[in-house]
Every structure is written in structure tokens, then in C-alpha cells.
Amino acid sequence: MMNRAEGGGEAKLKYGTPDFQVVRPGAFVRCAVTGEEIPLDLLKYWSVERQEAYRDAEASYRREAEARAGKR
């Protein structure tokens, strides 16, 4: 179950499968690729392994491609 918290500022989350938990309440998290604010109610993409959020599927794919390229 998603544990959402109301309030302003940047939240800190623990990303799990299939949900996340709020560690520090806030209204948004930042996309690890673009730096854009993502309102918690719109957050759909994240990496459990890297513990980071993404604004959309494209940003998630870009980060995954970067990670794979770095392992070569």
C-alpha cells in the first residue's frame, strides 16, 4: 500500500515493488534523469535497485540504458 503524505516540499521515499513508502513527507520527488518535480499522486516509474524516481517511461528507459552501458 502506498503511504502518501500531504504537505509541501520534496518527499523522501523508499521504493519497493510494487509500491513505495514515505520516509519524509512532502508533495513531490525529483526525476533522477531530468530533475523535474513529480507530484506523488502522479509517480508511476521508479527503480527499486537504484532507489530513484522517473517522470515517465522514457526517463526510466534512458536511465536503464545508461546503467547497462556503464556495465560494459
C-alpha atoms as a PDB file:
ATOM      1  CA  MET A   1       0.000   0.000   0.000  1.00  0.00           C
ATOM      2  CA  MET A   2       1.280   3.436  -0.888  1.00  0.00           C
ATOM      3  CA  ASN A   3       1.859   5.599   2.118  1.00  0.00           C
ATOM      4  CA  ARG A   4       1.300   9.131   0.801  1.00  0.00           C
ATOM      5  CA  ALA A   5       1.694  12.212   2.888  1.00  0.00           C
ATOM      6  CA  GLU A   6       0.341  15.675   2.304  1.00  0.00           C
ATOM      7  CA  GLY A   7       2.480  18.731   2.662  1.00  0.00           C
ATOM      8  CA  GLY A   8       4.810  20.898   0.673  1.00  0.00           C
ATOM      9  CA  GLY A   9       8.384  20.351  -0.288  1.00  0.00           C
ATOM     10  CA  GLU A  10      10.319  17.367  -1.504  1.00  0.00           C
ATOM     11  CA  ALA A  11       9.439  13.957  -0.104  1.00  0.00           C
ATOM     12  CA  LYS A  12      11.895  11.152   0.557  1.00  0.00           C
ATOM     13  CA  LEU A  13      10.631   7.724  -0.434  1.00  0.00           C
ATOM     14  CA  LYS A  14      11.689   4.118  -0.122  1.00  0.00           C
ATOM     15  CA  TYR A  15      10.894   2.489  -3.450  1.00  0.00           C
ATOM     16  CA  GLY A  16       9.636  -1.069  -3.364  1.00  0.00           C
ATOM     17  CA  THR A  17       7.730  -3.483  -5.569  1.00  0.00           C
ATOM     18  CA  PRO A  18       5.001  -2.604  -6.414  1.00  0.00           C
ATOM     19  CA  ASP A  19       4.655   0.426  -4.119  1.00  0.00           C
ATOM     20  CA  PHE A  20       6.687   2.995  -2.247  1.00  0.00           C
ATOM     21  CA  GLN A  21       6.756   4.177   1.366  1.00  0.00           C
ATOM     22  CA  VAL A  22       7.084   7.769   2.502  1.00  0.00           C
ATOM     23  CA  VAL A  23      10.204   8.247   4.650  1.00  0.00           C
ATOM     24  CA  ARG A  24       9.939  12.046   4.802  1.00  0.00           C
ATOM     25  CA  PRO A  25       6.584  13.675   3.932  1.00  0.00           C
ATOM     26  CA  GLY A  26       6.352  16.052   1.018  1.00  0.00           C
ATOM     27  CA  ALA A  27       4.389  16.866  -2.103  1.00  0.00           C
ATOM     28  CA  PHE A  28       6.825  15.661  -4.764  1.00  0.00           C
ATOM     29  CA  VAL A  29      10.043  13.819  -5.640  1.00  0.00           C
ATOM     30  CA  ARG A  30      12.580  14.725  -8.334  1.00  0.00           C
ATOM     31  CA  CYS A  31      13.159  12.783 -11.517  1.00  0.00           C
ATOM     32  CA  ALA A  32      16.662  11.293 -11.355  1.00  0.00           C
ATOM     33  CA  VAL A  33      17.148  11.918 -15.088  1.00  0.00           C
ATOM     34  CA  THR A  34      15.565  15.335 -15.725  1.00  0.00           C
ATOM     35  CA  GLY A  35      15.450  16.908 -12.260  1.00  0.00           C
ATOM     36  CA  GLU A  36      11.768  17.736 -12.748  1.00  0.00           C
ATOM     37  CA  GLU A  37       9.355  17.673  -9.816  1.00  0.00           C
ATOM     38  CA  ILE A  38       6.963  14.709  -9.850  1.00  0.00           C
ATOM     39  CA  PRO A  39       3.855  15.069  -7.655  1.00  0.00           C
ATOM     40  CA  LEU A  40       3.467  11.926  -5.531  1.00  0.00           C
ATOM     41  CA  ASP A  41       0.000  11.250  -6.906  1.00  0.00           C
ATOM     42  CA  LEU A  42       1.480  11.115 -10.443  1.00  0.00           C
ATOM     43  CA  LEU A  43       4.535   8.987  -9.613  1.00  0.00           C
ATOM     44  CA  LYS A  44       4.410   5.767 -11.647  1.00  0.00           C
ATOM     45  CA  TYR A  45       8.026   4.994 -12.556  1.00  0.00           C
ATOM     46  CA  TRP A  46      10.935   4.233 -10.236  1.00  0.00           C
ATOM     47  CA  SER A  47      13.847   1.883  -9.740  1.00  0.00           C
ATOM     48  CA  VAL A  48      13.905  -0.308  -6.653  1.00  0.00           C
ATOM     49  CA  GLU A  49      17.551  -1.197  -7.359  1.00  0.00           C
ATOM     50  CA  ARG A  50      18.727   2.420  -7.722  1.00  0.00           C
ATOM     51  CA  GLN A  51      16.112   3.918  -5.349  1.00  0.00           C
ATOM     52  CA  GLU A  52      15.265   6.779  -7.706  1.00  0.00           C
ATOM     53  CA  ALA A  53      12.171   8.171  -9.415  1.00  0.00           C
ATOM     54  CA  TYR A  54      11.481   8.950 -13.072  1.00  0.00           C
ATOM     55  CA  ARG A  55       8.946  11.326 -14.617  1.00  0.00           C
ATOM     56  CA  ASP A  56       7.893   8.882 -17.324  1.00  0.00           C
ATOM     57  CA  ALA A  57       8.748   5.659 -19.143  1.00  0.00           C
ATOM     58  CA  GLU A  58      11.199   7.473 -21.443  1.00  0.00           C
ATOM     59  CA  ALA A  59      13.252   8.764 -18.497  1.00  0.00           C
ATOM     60  CA  SER A  60      13.197   5.298 -16.919  1.00  0.00           C
ATOM     61  CA  TYR A  61      14.426   3.756 -20.172  1.00  0.00           C
ATOM     62  CA  ARG A  62      17.176   6.363 -20.528  1.00  0.00           C
ATOM     63  CA  ARG A  63      18.497   5.611 -17.027  1.00  0.00           C
ATOM     64  CA  GLU A  64      18.375   1.856 -17.645  1.00  0.00           C
ATOM     65  CA  ALA A  65      20.279   2.292 -20.929  1.00  0.00           C
ATOM     66  CA  GLU A  66      22.906   4.421 -19.138  1.00  0.00           C
ATOM     67  CA  ALA A  67      23.285   1.780 -16.439  1.00  0.00           C
ATOM     68  CA  ARG A  68      23.696  -1.019 -18.987  1.00  0.00           C
ATOM     69  CA  ALA A  69      26.267   0.990 -20.962  1.00  0.00           C
ATOM     70  CA  GLY A  70      28.231   1.576 -17.771  1.00  0.00           C
ATOM     71  CA  LYS A  71      28.457  -2.173 -17.071  1.00  0.00           C
ATOM     72  CA  ARG A  72      30.192  -2.918 -20.375  1.00  0.00           C
END
